Amino acid sequence: MSLSNSLSVGYGLSRVGFGIFASSRPVQMGRTWVGDDAERPGSEVILRALGFRDIALGAGVTGAALNGDPRGWLAVSMLSDLGDVAATLIGRDRIEGRGVAITSAVAGAGALAAGILLAASNAE
């Protein structure tokens, strides 16, 4: 297995881990992002769904990397994280500045990591 595929497996597994946390503890994860609104029942549903999305994306990246070509899953993961950054920035006047900063940094780092792995996979 190539180095970029090995790193993609690690990336995918970390995304699965985040998804398990987010789906099992949506209020705790959501407080960092949307503050006290995370405790609202509707917010909890959406935040749990976000966790399941990350489990699916991480499993997809991992499986594809183990089978040789994670590029499609890495691209979708990168776009998902960029979407989270965009949604956060669009709604920045409705959430605390701390949530904007943390979510933008974490989702931005996820998008950057996926982009680097995608570029490395394309270079092979």
N, C-alpha and C. Protein backbone atom coordinates (compact mmCIF):
# COMPACT_ATOMS: atom_id res chain seq x y z
N MET A 1 0.85 -1.18 0.00
CA MET A 1 0.00 0.00 0.00
C MET A 1 0.89 1.24 0.00
N SER A 2 0.51 2.22 -0.80
CA SER A 2 1.29 3.46 -0.90
C SER A 2 1.18 4.27 0.40
N LEU A 3 2.13 5.19 0.57
CA LEU A 3 2.11 6.06 1.74
C LEU A 3 0.84 6.91 1.75
N SER A 4 0.46 7.47 0.61
CA SER A 4 -0.73 8.32 0.59
C SER A 4 -1.99 7.51 0.92
N ASN A 5 -2.06 6.26 0.48
CA ASN A 5 -3.21 5.44 0.84
C ASN A 5 -3.20 5.08 2.32
N SER A 6 -2.03 4.83 2.87
CA SER A 6 -1.92 4.56 4.30
C SER A 6 -2.38 5.77 5.11
N LEU A 7 -1.96 6.95 4.69
CA LEU A 7 -2.38 8.18 5.37
C LEU A 7 -3.87 8.42 5.18
N SER A 8 -4.39 8.05 4.03
CA SER A 8 -5.83 8.18 3.78
C SER A 8 -6.63 7.27 4.70
N VAL A 9 -6.11 6.07 4.97
CA VAL A 9 -6.77 5.17 5.92
C VAL A 9 -6.83 5.85 7.29
N GLY A 10 -5.72 6.44 7.72
CA GLY A 10 -5.72 7.15 9.01
C GLY A 10 -6.70 8.30 9.03
N TYR A 11 -6.74 9.07 7.94
CA TYR A 11 -7.68 10.17 7.82
C TYR A 11 -9.12 9.66 7.91
N GLY A 12 -9.41 8.60 7.17
CA GLY A 12 -10.75 8.04 7.18
C GLY A 12 -11.16 7.54 8.55
N LEU A 13 -10.26 6.86 9.23
CA LEU A 13 -10.57 6.35 10.57
C LEU A 13 -10.77 7.48 11.56
N SER A 14 -10.00 8.55 11.44
CA SER A 14 -10.20 9.69 12.35
C SER A 14 -11.55 10.34 12.09
N ARG A 15 -11.96 10.36 10.85
CA ARG A 15 -13.28 10.92 10.51
C ARG A 15 -14.39 10.03 11.08
N VAL A 16 -14.22 8.72 11.01
CA VAL A 16 -15.18 7.80 11.63
C VAL A 16 -15.24 8.07 13.14
N GLY A 17 -14.09 8.24 13.77
CA GLY A 17 -14.05 8.52 15.21
C GLY A 17 -14.80 9.79 15.56
N PHE A 18 -14.57 10.85 14.78
CA PHE A 18 -15.30 12.09 15.02
C PHE A 18 -16.79 11.86 14.84
N GLY A 19 -17.17 11.12 13.81
CA GLY A 19 -18.57 10.85 13.56
C GLY A 19 -19.24 10.08 14.68
N ILE A 20 -18.52 9.12 15.24
CA ILE A 20 -19.06 8.35 16.37
C ILE A 20 -19.29 9.28 17.55
N PHE A 21 -18.33 10.15 17.83
CA PHE A 21 -18.50 11.10 18.92
C PHE A 21 -19.69 12.02 18.65
N ALA A 22 -19.74 12.61 17.45
CA ALA A 22 -20.80 13.57 17.12
C ALA A 22 -22.18 12.93 17.15
N SER A 23 -22.29 11.70 16.66
CA SER A 23 -23.60 11.06 16.62
C SER A 23 -24.04 10.55 17.99
N SER A 24 -23.10 10.23 18.84
CA SER A 24 -23.46 9.72 20.17
C SER A 24 -23.55 10.84 21.22
N ARG A 25 -22.91 11.96 20.97
CA ARG A 25 -22.91 13.09 21.91
C ARG A 25 -23.16 14.40 21.15
N PRO A 26 -24.28 14.50 20.45
CA PRO A 26 -24.49 15.67 19.59
C PRO A 26 -24.53 16.99 20.34
N VAL A 27 -25.08 17.00 21.53
CA VAL A 27 -25.15 18.26 22.28
C VAL A 27 -23.75 18.73 22.67
N GLN A 28 -22.91 17.81 23.15
CA GLN A 28 -21.56 18.18 23.54
C GLN A 28 -20.76 18.68 22.34
N MET A 29 -20.87 17.99 21.22
CA MET A 29 -20.16 18.43 20.03
C MET A 29 -20.72 19.75 19.53
N GLY A 30 -22.03 19.87 19.55
CA GLY A 30 -22.68 21.06 19.02
C GLY A 30 -22.46 22.32 19.82
N ARG A 31 -22.26 22.19 21.13
CA ARG A 31 -22.02 23.39 21.95
C ARG A 31 -20.80 24.15 21.45
N THR A 32 -19.81 23.43 21.00
CA THR A 32 -18.60 24.07 20.48
C THR A 32 -18.92 24.88 19.23
N TRP A 33 -19.89 24.42 18.47
CA TRP A 33 -20.22 25.04 17.19
C TRP A 33 -21.30 26.11 17.33
N VAL A 34 -22.46 25.72 17.89
CA VAL A 34 -23.61 26.63 17.92
C VAL A 34 -24.02 27.07 19.31
N GLY A 35 -23.21 26.77 20.30
CA GLY A 35 -23.50 27.21 21.66
C GLY A 35 -24.70 26.50 22.25
N ASP A 36 -25.48 27.26 23.03
CA ASP A 36 -26.63 26.68 23.73
C ASP A 36 -27.72 26.17 22.78
N ASP A 37 -27.73 26.63 21.55
CA ASP A 37 -28.72 26.13 20.59
C ASP A 37 -28.56 24.64 20.33
N ALA A 38 -27.42 24.08 20.66
CA ALA A 38 -27.20 22.65 20.47
C ALA A 38 -28.15 21.81 21.32
N GLU A 39 -28.69 22.41 22.38
CA GLU A 39 -29.59 21.68 23.28
C GLU A 39 -31.02 21.63 22.76
N ARG A 40 -31.32 22.36 21.72
CA ARG A 40 -32.67 22.32 21.15
C ARG A 40 -32.87 20.99 20.44
N PRO A 41 -34.05 20.39 20.57
CA PRO A 41 -34.28 19.06 19.96
C PRO A 41 -33.98 19.01 18.46
N GLY A 42 -34.37 20.02 17.72
CA GLY A 42 -34.09 20.03 16.28
C GLY A 42 -32.61 20.10 15.98
N SER A 43 -31.89 20.88 16.77
CA SER A 43 -30.44 20.97 16.58
C SER A 43 -29.78 19.64 16.86
N GLU A 44 -30.26 18.96 17.88
CA GLU A 44 -29.68 17.66 18.23
C GLU A 44 -29.83 16.67 17.08
N VAL A 45 -30.97 16.69 16.42
CA VAL A 45 -31.21 15.80 15.28
C VAL A 45 -30.21 16.11 14.16
N ILE A 46 -30.06 17.39 13.84
CA ILE A 46 -29.16 17.79 12.75
C ILE A 46 -27.71 17.46 13.10
N LEU A 47 -27.32 17.72 14.33
CA LEU A 47 -25.94 17.44 14.75
C LEU A 47 -25.65 15.94 14.74
N ARG A 48 -26.64 15.14 15.14
CA ARG A 48 -26.46 13.68 15.09
C ARG A 48 -26.32 13.23 13.63
N ALA A 49 -27.11 13.81 12.75
CA ALA A 49 -27.01 13.47 11.32
C ALA A 49 -25.63 13.83 10.78
N LEU A 50 -25.08 14.94 11.22
CA LEU A 50 -23.73 15.33 10.83
C LEU A 50 -22.73 14.24 11.23
N GLY A 51 -22.90 13.69 12.42
CA GLY A 51 -22.03 12.62 12.86
C GLY A 51 -22.13 11.39 11.98
N PHE A 52 -23.36 11.03 11.61
CA PHE A 52 -23.54 9.87 10.73
C PHE A 52 -22.94 10.15 9.35
N ARG A 53 -23.03 11.39 8.89
CA ARG A 53 -22.41 11.76 7.61
C ARG A 53 -20.90 11.52 7.68
N ASP A 54 -20.29 11.91 8.79
CA ASP A 54 -18.85 11.74 8.92
C ASP A 54 -18.45 10.27 9.04
N ILE A 55 -19.28 9.47 9.68
CA ILE A 55 -19.01 8.03 9.73
C ILE A 55 -19.01 7.47 8.31
N ALA A 56 -20.01 7.85 7.53
CA ALA A 56 -20.10 7.35 6.15
C ALA A 56 -18.93 7.81 5.31
N LEU A 57 -18.58 9.10 5.41
CA LEU A 57 -17.45 9.61 4.64
C LEU A 57 -16.14 8.93 5.05
N GLY A 58 -15.94 8.79 6.34
CA GLY A 58 -14.71 8.16 6.82
C GLY A 58 -14.61 6.71 6.41
N ALA A 59 -15.73 6.00 6.49
CA ALA A 59 -15.73 4.59 6.06
C ALA A 59 -15.47 4.50 4.56
N GLY A 60 -16.03 5.43 3.80
CA GLY A 60 -15.80 5.44 2.36
C GLY A 60 -14.35 5.68 2.01
N VAL A 61 -13.73 6.68 2.66
CA VAL A 61 -12.31 6.96 2.42
C VAL A 61 -11.47 5.75 2.80
N THR A 62 -11.74 5.19 3.97
CA THR A 62 -10.96 4.05 4.45
C THR A 62 -11.06 2.87 3.50
N GLY A 63 -12.29 2.50 3.16
CA GLY A 63 -12.48 1.36 2.26
C GLY A 63 -11.84 1.57 0.90
N ALA A 64 -12.01 2.77 0.36
CA ALA A 64 -11.43 3.06 -0.95
C ALA A 64 -9.91 3.06 -0.90
N ALA A 65 -9.33 3.59 0.18
CA ALA A 65 -7.87 3.59 0.31
C ALA A 65 -7.34 2.16 0.44
N LEU A 66 -8.03 1.33 1.16
CA LEU A 66 -7.61 -0.07 1.30
C LEU A 66 -7.72 -0.82 -0.03
N ASN A 67 -8.62 -0.37 -0.89
CA ASN A 67 -8.81 -1.00 -2.19
C ASN A 67 -8.07 -0.29 -3.31
N GLY A 68 -7.33 0.77 -2.98
CA GLY A 68 -6.43 1.35 -3.95
C GLY A 68 -6.69 2.75 -4.45
N ASP A 69 -7.91 3.30 -4.37
CA ASP A 69 -8.13 4.63 -4.94
C ASP A 69 -9.14 5.44 -4.14
N PRO A 70 -8.67 6.21 -3.16
CA PRO A 70 -9.57 6.99 -2.31
C PRO A 70 -9.92 8.37 -2.86
N ARG A 71 -9.48 8.70 -4.06
CA ARG A 71 -9.60 10.07 -4.55
C ARG A 71 -11.03 10.62 -4.57
N GLY A 72 -11.97 9.83 -5.00
CA GLY A 72 -13.36 10.31 -5.04
C GLY A 72 -13.89 10.62 -3.65
N TRP A 73 -13.62 9.72 -2.72
CA TRP A 73 -14.07 9.93 -1.34
C TRP A 73 -13.35 11.10 -0.68
N LEU A 74 -12.07 11.26 -0.99
CA LEU A 74 -11.33 12.40 -0.44
C LEU A 74 -11.91 13.72 -0.97
N ALA A 75 -12.26 13.75 -2.25
CA ALA A 75 -12.83 14.97 -2.83
C ALA A 75 -14.17 15.30 -2.17
N VAL A 76 -15.01 14.31 -1.97
CA VAL A 76 -16.31 14.54 -1.34
C VAL A 76 -16.12 14.97 0.12
N SER A 77 -15.16 14.37 0.80
CA SER A 77 -14.88 14.76 2.19
C SER A 77 -14.42 16.21 2.25
N MET A 78 -13.54 16.59 1.35
CA MET A 78 -13.04 17.96 1.31
C MET A 78 -14.19 18.93 1.06
N LEU A 79 -15.05 18.62 0.11
CA LEU A 79 -16.19 19.50 -0.18
C LEU A 79 -17.16 19.58 0.99
N SER A 80 -17.36 18.48 1.70
CA SER A 80 -18.23 18.49 2.88
C SER A 80 -17.69 19.42 3.95
N ASP A 81 -16.39 19.34 4.19
CA ASP A 81 -15.79 20.22 5.20
C ASP A 81 -15.81 21.67 4.76
N LEU A 82 -15.57 21.93 3.48
CA LEU A 82 -15.66 23.30 2.99
C LEU A 82 -17.09 23.82 3.11
N GLY A 83 -18.07 22.95 2.93
CA GLY A 83 -19.46 23.32 3.14
C GLY A 83 -19.73 23.70 4.59
N ASP A 84 -19.13 22.96 5.52
CA ASP A 84 -19.28 23.30 6.94
C ASP A 84 -18.68 24.66 7.25
N VAL A 85 -17.51 24.94 6.66
CA VAL A 85 -16.89 26.25 6.85
C VAL A 85 -17.78 27.34 6.27
N ALA A 86 -18.27 27.12 5.05
CA ALA A 86 -19.12 28.12 4.40
C ALA A 86 -20.39 28.38 5.21
N ALA A 87 -21.06 27.32 5.67
CA ALA A 87 -22.28 27.48 6.46
C ALA A 87 -22.00 28.23 7.75
N THR A 88 -20.86 27.93 8.36
CA THR A 88 -20.48 28.61 9.60
C THR A 88 -20.24 30.09 9.36
N LEU A 89 -19.52 30.40 8.30
CA LEU A 89 -19.24 31.80 8.00
C LEU A 89 -20.51 32.56 7.59
N ILE A 90 -21.39 31.92 6.86
CA ILE A 90 -22.65 32.56 6.49
C ILE A 90 -23.48 32.86 7.73
N GLY A 91 -23.49 31.95 8.68
CA GLY A 91 -24.28 32.13 9.90
C GLY A 91 -23.53 32.74 11.07
N ARG A 92 -22.37 33.30 10.81
CA ARG A 92 -21.50 33.78 11.90
C ARG A 92 -22.15 34.82 12.81
N ASP A 93 -23.14 35.54 12.31
CA ASP A 93 -23.79 36.54 13.15
C ASP A 93 -24.83 35.92 14.09
N ARG A 94 -25.07 34.62 13.95
CA ARG A 94 -26.05 33.93 14.80
C ARG A 94 -25.42 33.01 15.82
N ILE A 95 -24.11 32.85 15.75
CA ILE A 95 -23.41 32.00 16.72
C ILE A 95 -22.24 32.76 17.33
N GLU A 96 -21.75 32.24 18.44
CA GLU A 96 -20.64 32.90 19.13
C GLU A 96 -19.37 32.88 18.29
N GLY A 97 -18.56 33.90 18.47
CA GLY A 97 -17.30 33.99 17.73
C GLY A 97 -16.40 32.79 17.97
N ARG A 98 -16.44 32.26 19.19
CA ARG A 98 -15.64 31.07 19.52
C ARG A 98 -16.05 29.89 18.64
N GLY A 99 -17.36 29.71 18.44
CA GLY A 99 -17.86 28.63 17.59
C GLY A 99 -17.44 28.80 16.15
N VAL A 100 -17.48 30.05 15.68
CA VAL A 100 -17.04 30.33 14.31
C VAL A 100 -15.58 29.97 14.14
N ALA A 101 -14.76 30.40 15.09
CA ALA A 101 -13.31 30.16 15.00
C ALA A 101 -12.98 28.67 15.09
N ILE A 102 -13.55 27.98 16.07
CA ILE A 102 -13.23 26.56 16.26
C ILE A 102 -13.72 25.73 15.08
N THR A 103 -14.95 25.94 14.67
CA THR A 103 -15.50 25.14 13.58
C THR A 103 -14.78 25.43 12.27
N SER A 104 -14.49 26.69 12.02
CA SER A 104 -13.76 27.04 10.79
C SER A 104 -12.38 26.40 10.79
N ALA A 105 -11.73 26.40 11.95
CA ALA A 105 -10.39 25.81 12.04
C ALA A 105 -10.44 24.29 11.88
N VAL A 106 -11.35 23.64 12.58
CA VAL A 106 -11.41 22.17 12.53
C VAL A 106 -11.87 21.69 11.15
N ALA A 107 -12.95 22.26 10.64
CA ALA A 107 -13.44 21.85 9.32
C ALA A 107 -12.45 22.26 8.23
N GLY A 108 -11.84 23.43 8.39
CA GLY A 108 -10.84 23.87 7.42
C GLY A 108 -9.63 22.95 7.41
N ALA A 109 -9.21 22.50 8.59
CA ALA A 109 -8.08 21.57 8.67
C ALA A 109 -8.44 20.23 8.03
N GLY A 110 -9.69 19.78 8.23
CA GLY A 110 -10.13 18.54 7.60
C GLY A 110 -10.13 18.66 6.08
N ALA A 111 -10.60 19.80 5.59
CA ALA A 111 -10.60 20.02 4.13
C ALA A 111 -9.18 20.09 3.60
N LEU A 112 -8.31 20.77 4.32
CA LEU A 112 -6.91 20.87 3.90
C LEU A 112 -6.25 19.50 3.87
N ALA A 113 -6.47 18.70 4.92
CA ALA A 113 -5.89 17.35 4.96
C ALA A 113 -6.39 16.51 3.79
N ALA A 114 -7.69 16.56 3.53
CA ALA A 114 -8.24 15.80 2.40
C ALA A 114 -7.65 16.29 1.09
N GLY A 115 -7.49 17.59 0.95
CA GLY A 115 -6.90 18.14 -0.27
C GLY A 115 -5.46 17.72 -0.47
N ILE A 116 -4.69 17.72 0.59
CA ILE A 116 -3.29 17.27 0.50
C ILE A 116 -3.23 15.79 0.12
N LEU A 117 -4.07 14.98 0.77
CA LEU A 117 -4.08 13.56 0.43
C LEU A 117 -4.57 13.33 -1.00
N LEU A 118 -5.52 14.12 -1.44
CA LEU A 118 -6.00 14.02 -2.82
C LEU A 118 -4.88 14.37 -3.80
N ALA A 119 -4.16 15.44 -3.52
CA ALA A 119 -3.05 15.83 -4.39
C ALA A 119 -1.96 14.76 -4.40
N ALA A 120 -1.67 14.19 -3.23
CA ALA A 120 -0.65 13.14 -3.16
C ALA A 120 -1.08 11.90 -3.94
N SER A 121 -2.36 11.57 -3.85
CA SER A 121 -2.88 10.41 -4.59
C SER A 121 -2.82 10.65 -6.09
N ASN A 122 -3.10 11.87 -6.50
CA ASN A 122 -3.03 12.21 -7.93
C ASN A 122 -1.60 12.20 -8.46
N ALA A 123 -0.63 12.47 -7.58
CA ALA A 123 0.77 12.53 -7.98
C ALA A 123 1.38 11.15 -8.16
N GLU A 124 0.74 10.14 -7.64
CA GLU A 124 1.31 8.78 -7.72
C GLU A 124 1.11 8.16 -9.08
